Amino acid sequence: MAKIGRPGLSREQKIELWERLKGGQCPTDIARVLARTKGAIHPVLALNGGIAPVARRRGSHTRTPNRRKLLT
């Protein structure tokens, strides 16, 4: 079955989007480079208020994989 609507941006495209925005390019130019419309990248920018999200990482209080093996 065919997908309806626009697919989202890939992880690599989102990284490039935020790097270019931080470098001072306008959203229209970024959309042109990514071969998308401005309307396709606007929701990504609006979701975080135009500020690049922080890279996710595990908290310092979580168990390590080795510790989890010991508990099972």
N, C-alpha and C. Protein backbone atom coordinates (compact mmCIF):
# COMPACT_ATOMS: atom_id res chain seq x y z
N MET A 1 0.84 -1.17 0.00
CA MET A 1 0.00 0.00 0.00
C MET A 1 0.89 1.25 0.00
N ALA A 2 0.55 2.20 -0.79
CA ALA A 2 1.34 3.42 -0.90
C ALA A 2 1.15 4.30 0.32
N LYS A 3 2.23 4.99 0.68
CA LYS A 3 2.16 5.94 1.78
C LYS A 3 1.46 7.21 1.32
N ILE A 4 0.59 7.72 2.13
CA ILE A 4 -0.12 8.95 1.80
C ILE A 4 0.54 10.09 2.57
N GLY A 5 0.76 11.19 1.92
CA GLY A 5 1.36 12.35 2.57
C GLY A 5 2.87 12.37 2.40
N ARG A 6 3.49 13.37 2.97
CA ARG A 6 4.93 13.53 2.85
C ARG A 6 5.65 12.71 3.92
N PRO A 7 6.66 11.98 3.54
CA PRO A 7 7.45 11.30 4.56
C PRO A 7 8.29 12.33 5.31
N GLY A 8 8.64 12.03 6.52
CA GLY A 8 9.45 12.95 7.31
C GLY A 8 10.89 12.99 6.85
N LEU A 9 11.67 13.80 7.50
CA LEU A 9 13.09 13.89 7.18
C LEU A 9 13.84 12.74 7.84
N SER A 10 14.87 12.26 7.17
CA SER A 10 15.70 11.21 7.75
C SER A 10 16.57 11.81 8.85
N ARG A 11 17.20 10.94 9.61
CA ARG A 11 18.06 11.41 10.71
C ARG A 11 19.19 12.29 10.18
N GLU A 12 19.79 11.87 9.06
CA GLU A 12 20.89 12.63 8.47
C GLU A 12 20.42 13.99 7.97
N GLN A 13 19.22 14.02 7.40
CA GLN A 13 18.68 15.29 6.92
C GLN A 13 18.39 16.24 8.08
N LYS A 14 17.90 15.71 9.19
CA LYS A 14 17.64 16.56 10.35
C LYS A 14 18.93 17.13 10.91
N ILE A 15 19.98 16.32 10.94
CA ILE A 15 21.28 16.81 11.42
C ILE A 15 21.78 17.93 10.52
N GLU A 16 21.66 17.71 9.20
CA GLU A 16 22.09 18.74 8.25
C GLU A 16 21.23 20.00 8.39
N LEU A 17 19.93 19.82 8.59
CA LEU A 17 19.02 20.94 8.78
C LEU A 17 19.47 21.81 9.95
N TRP A 18 19.74 21.19 11.10
CA TRP A 18 20.13 21.97 12.28
C TRP A 18 21.50 22.60 12.11
N GLU A 19 22.44 21.89 11.45
CA GLU A 19 23.76 22.48 11.22
C GLU A 19 23.67 23.71 10.32
N ARG A 20 22.87 23.60 9.27
CA ARG A 20 22.73 24.73 8.35
C ARG A 20 22.00 25.90 9.02
N LEU A 21 20.99 25.61 9.83
CA LEU A 21 20.27 26.67 10.52
C LEU A 21 21.20 27.39 11.50
N LYS A 22 22.01 26.61 12.20
CA LYS A 22 22.98 27.20 13.13
C LYS A 22 24.02 28.03 12.39
N GLY A 23 24.32 27.62 11.15
CA GLY A 23 25.28 28.36 10.33
C GLY A 23 24.72 29.64 9.74
N GLY A 24 23.42 29.88 9.91
CA GLY A 24 22.84 31.14 9.48
C GLY A 24 22.04 31.09 8.19
N GLN A 25 21.86 29.90 7.62
CA GLN A 25 21.07 29.82 6.39
C GLN A 25 19.59 29.95 6.71
N CYS A 26 18.85 30.51 5.79
CA CYS A 26 17.40 30.65 5.99
C CYS A 26 16.70 29.32 5.65
N PRO A 27 15.53 29.08 6.25
CA PRO A 27 14.81 27.83 6.01
C PRO A 27 14.52 27.53 4.54
N THR A 28 14.28 28.57 3.74
CA THR A 28 14.01 28.36 2.32
C THR A 28 15.22 27.77 1.61
N ASP A 29 16.40 28.30 1.90
CA ASP A 29 17.63 27.77 1.28
C ASP A 29 17.91 26.35 1.75
N ILE A 30 17.68 26.09 3.03
CA ILE A 30 17.89 24.75 3.58
C ILE A 30 16.95 23.75 2.90
N ALA A 31 15.69 24.13 2.73
CA ALA A 31 14.72 23.26 2.07
C ALA A 31 15.15 22.96 0.65
N ARG A 32 15.69 23.94 -0.04
CA ARG A 32 16.14 23.75 -1.42
C ARG A 32 17.30 22.75 -1.47
N VAL A 33 18.25 22.86 -0.53
CA VAL A 33 19.39 21.94 -0.49
C VAL A 33 18.94 20.52 -0.17
N LEU A 34 17.95 20.39 0.71
CA LEU A 34 17.45 19.07 1.10
C LEU A 34 16.43 18.51 0.11
N ALA A 35 16.15 19.26 -0.94
CA ALA A 35 15.18 18.86 -1.97
C ALA A 35 13.79 18.64 -1.36
N ARG A 36 13.40 19.55 -0.48
CA ARG A 36 12.08 19.52 0.15
C ARG A 36 11.45 20.90 0.01
N THR A 37 10.18 20.96 0.37
CA THR A 37 9.53 22.27 0.40
C THR A 37 9.74 22.88 1.78
N LYS A 38 9.56 24.19 1.86
CA LYS A 38 9.69 24.86 3.14
C LYS A 38 8.66 24.32 4.14
N GLY A 39 7.49 23.97 3.62
CA GLY A 39 6.44 23.41 4.47
C GLY A 39 6.79 22.05 5.05
N ALA A 40 7.72 21.34 4.43
CA ALA A 40 8.13 20.03 4.93
C ALA A 40 9.12 20.14 6.07
N ILE A 41 9.90 21.20 6.10
CA ILE A 41 10.88 21.34 7.19
C ILE A 41 10.36 22.22 8.32
N HIS A 42 9.34 23.00 8.06
CA HIS A 42 8.80 23.89 9.10
C HIS A 42 8.36 23.14 10.36
N PRO A 43 7.64 22.00 10.25
CA PRO A 43 7.23 21.29 11.47
C PRO A 43 8.41 20.82 12.31
N VAL A 44 9.51 20.46 11.68
CA VAL A 44 10.70 20.04 12.43
C VAL A 44 11.26 21.21 13.22
N LEU A 45 11.29 22.38 12.58
CA LEU A 45 11.79 23.57 13.26
C LEU A 45 10.82 24.03 14.36
N ALA A 46 9.54 23.97 14.07
CA ALA A 46 8.53 24.46 15.02
C ALA A 46 8.42 23.56 16.25
N LEU A 47 8.71 22.28 16.09
CA LEU A 47 8.58 21.34 17.20
C LEU A 47 9.46 21.74 18.38
N ASN A 48 10.64 22.27 18.09
CA ASN A 48 11.58 22.67 19.14
C ASN A 48 11.75 24.17 19.24
N GLY A 49 10.88 24.90 18.62
CA GLY A 49 10.97 26.36 18.70
C GLY A 49 12.17 26.93 17.97
N GLY A 50 12.69 26.23 16.98
CA GLY A 50 13.84 26.72 16.23
C GLY A 50 15.16 26.47 16.92
N ILE A 51 15.17 25.72 18.01
CA ILE A 51 16.39 25.40 18.74
C ILE A 51 16.68 23.92 18.56
N ALA A 52 17.91 23.60 18.18
CA ALA A 52 18.27 22.20 17.94
C ALA A 52 18.14 21.39 19.23
N PRO A 53 17.54 20.19 19.14
CA PRO A 53 17.39 19.36 20.34
C PRO A 53 18.74 18.82 20.80
N VAL A 54 18.86 18.58 22.09
CA VAL A 54 20.08 18.02 22.67
C VAL A 54 20.13 16.54 22.32
N ALA A 55 21.32 16.05 22.00
CA ALA A 55 21.48 14.63 21.68
C ALA A 55 21.11 13.80 22.90
N ARG A 56 20.36 12.73 22.67
CA ARG A 56 19.91 11.89 23.77
C ARG A 56 21.04 11.00 24.25
N ARG A 57 21.07 10.76 25.55
CA ARG A 57 22.05 9.85 26.13
C ARG A 57 21.49 9.28 27.42
N ARG A 58 22.04 8.19 27.86
CA ARG A 58 21.58 7.55 29.08
C ARG A 58 21.96 8.37 30.30
N GLY A 59 21.12 8.32 31.29
CA GLY A 59 21.42 9.00 32.54
C GLY A 59 22.53 8.30 33.30
N SER A 60 23.20 9.02 34.17
CA SER A 60 24.31 8.44 34.91
C SER A 60 23.85 7.43 35.95
N HIS A 61 22.58 7.45 36.33
CA HIS A 61 22.07 6.55 37.35
C HIS A 61 21.56 5.21 36.80
N THR A 62 21.56 5.03 35.48
CA THR A 62 21.05 3.80 34.90
C THR A 62 22.08 2.68 35.01
N ARG A 63 21.59 1.46 34.97
CA ARG A 63 22.48 0.31 35.08
C ARG A 63 23.20 0.06 33.78
N THR A 64 24.42 -0.44 33.88
CA THR A 64 25.20 -0.79 32.70
C THR A 64 24.75 -2.16 32.21
N PRO A 65 25.04 -2.51 30.96
CA PRO A 65 24.65 -3.83 30.46
C PRO A 65 25.23 -4.97 31.30
N ASN A 66 26.46 -4.83 31.77
CA ASN A 66 27.06 -5.88 32.60
C ASN A 66 26.29 -6.05 33.92
N ARG A 67 25.89 -4.94 34.50
CA ARG A 67 25.14 -4.99 35.76
C ARG A 67 23.77 -5.63 35.55
N ARG A 68 23.16 -5.36 34.40
CA ARG A 68 21.86 -5.95 34.10
C ARG A 68 21.97 -7.46 33.95
N LYS A 69 23.09 -7.95 33.37
CA LYS A 69 23.28 -9.38 33.22
C LYS A 69 23.38 -10.07 34.56
N LEU A 70 24.01 -9.42 35.53
CA LEU A 70 24.15 -10.00 36.86
C LEU A 70 22.80 -10.14 37.56
N LEU A 71 21.89 -9.25 37.27
CA LEU A 71 20.59 -9.26 37.94
C LEU A 71 19.65 -10.31 37.35
N THR A 72 19.90 -10.75 36.15
CA THR A 72 18.98 -11.72 35.53
C THR A 72 19.34 -13.15 35.85
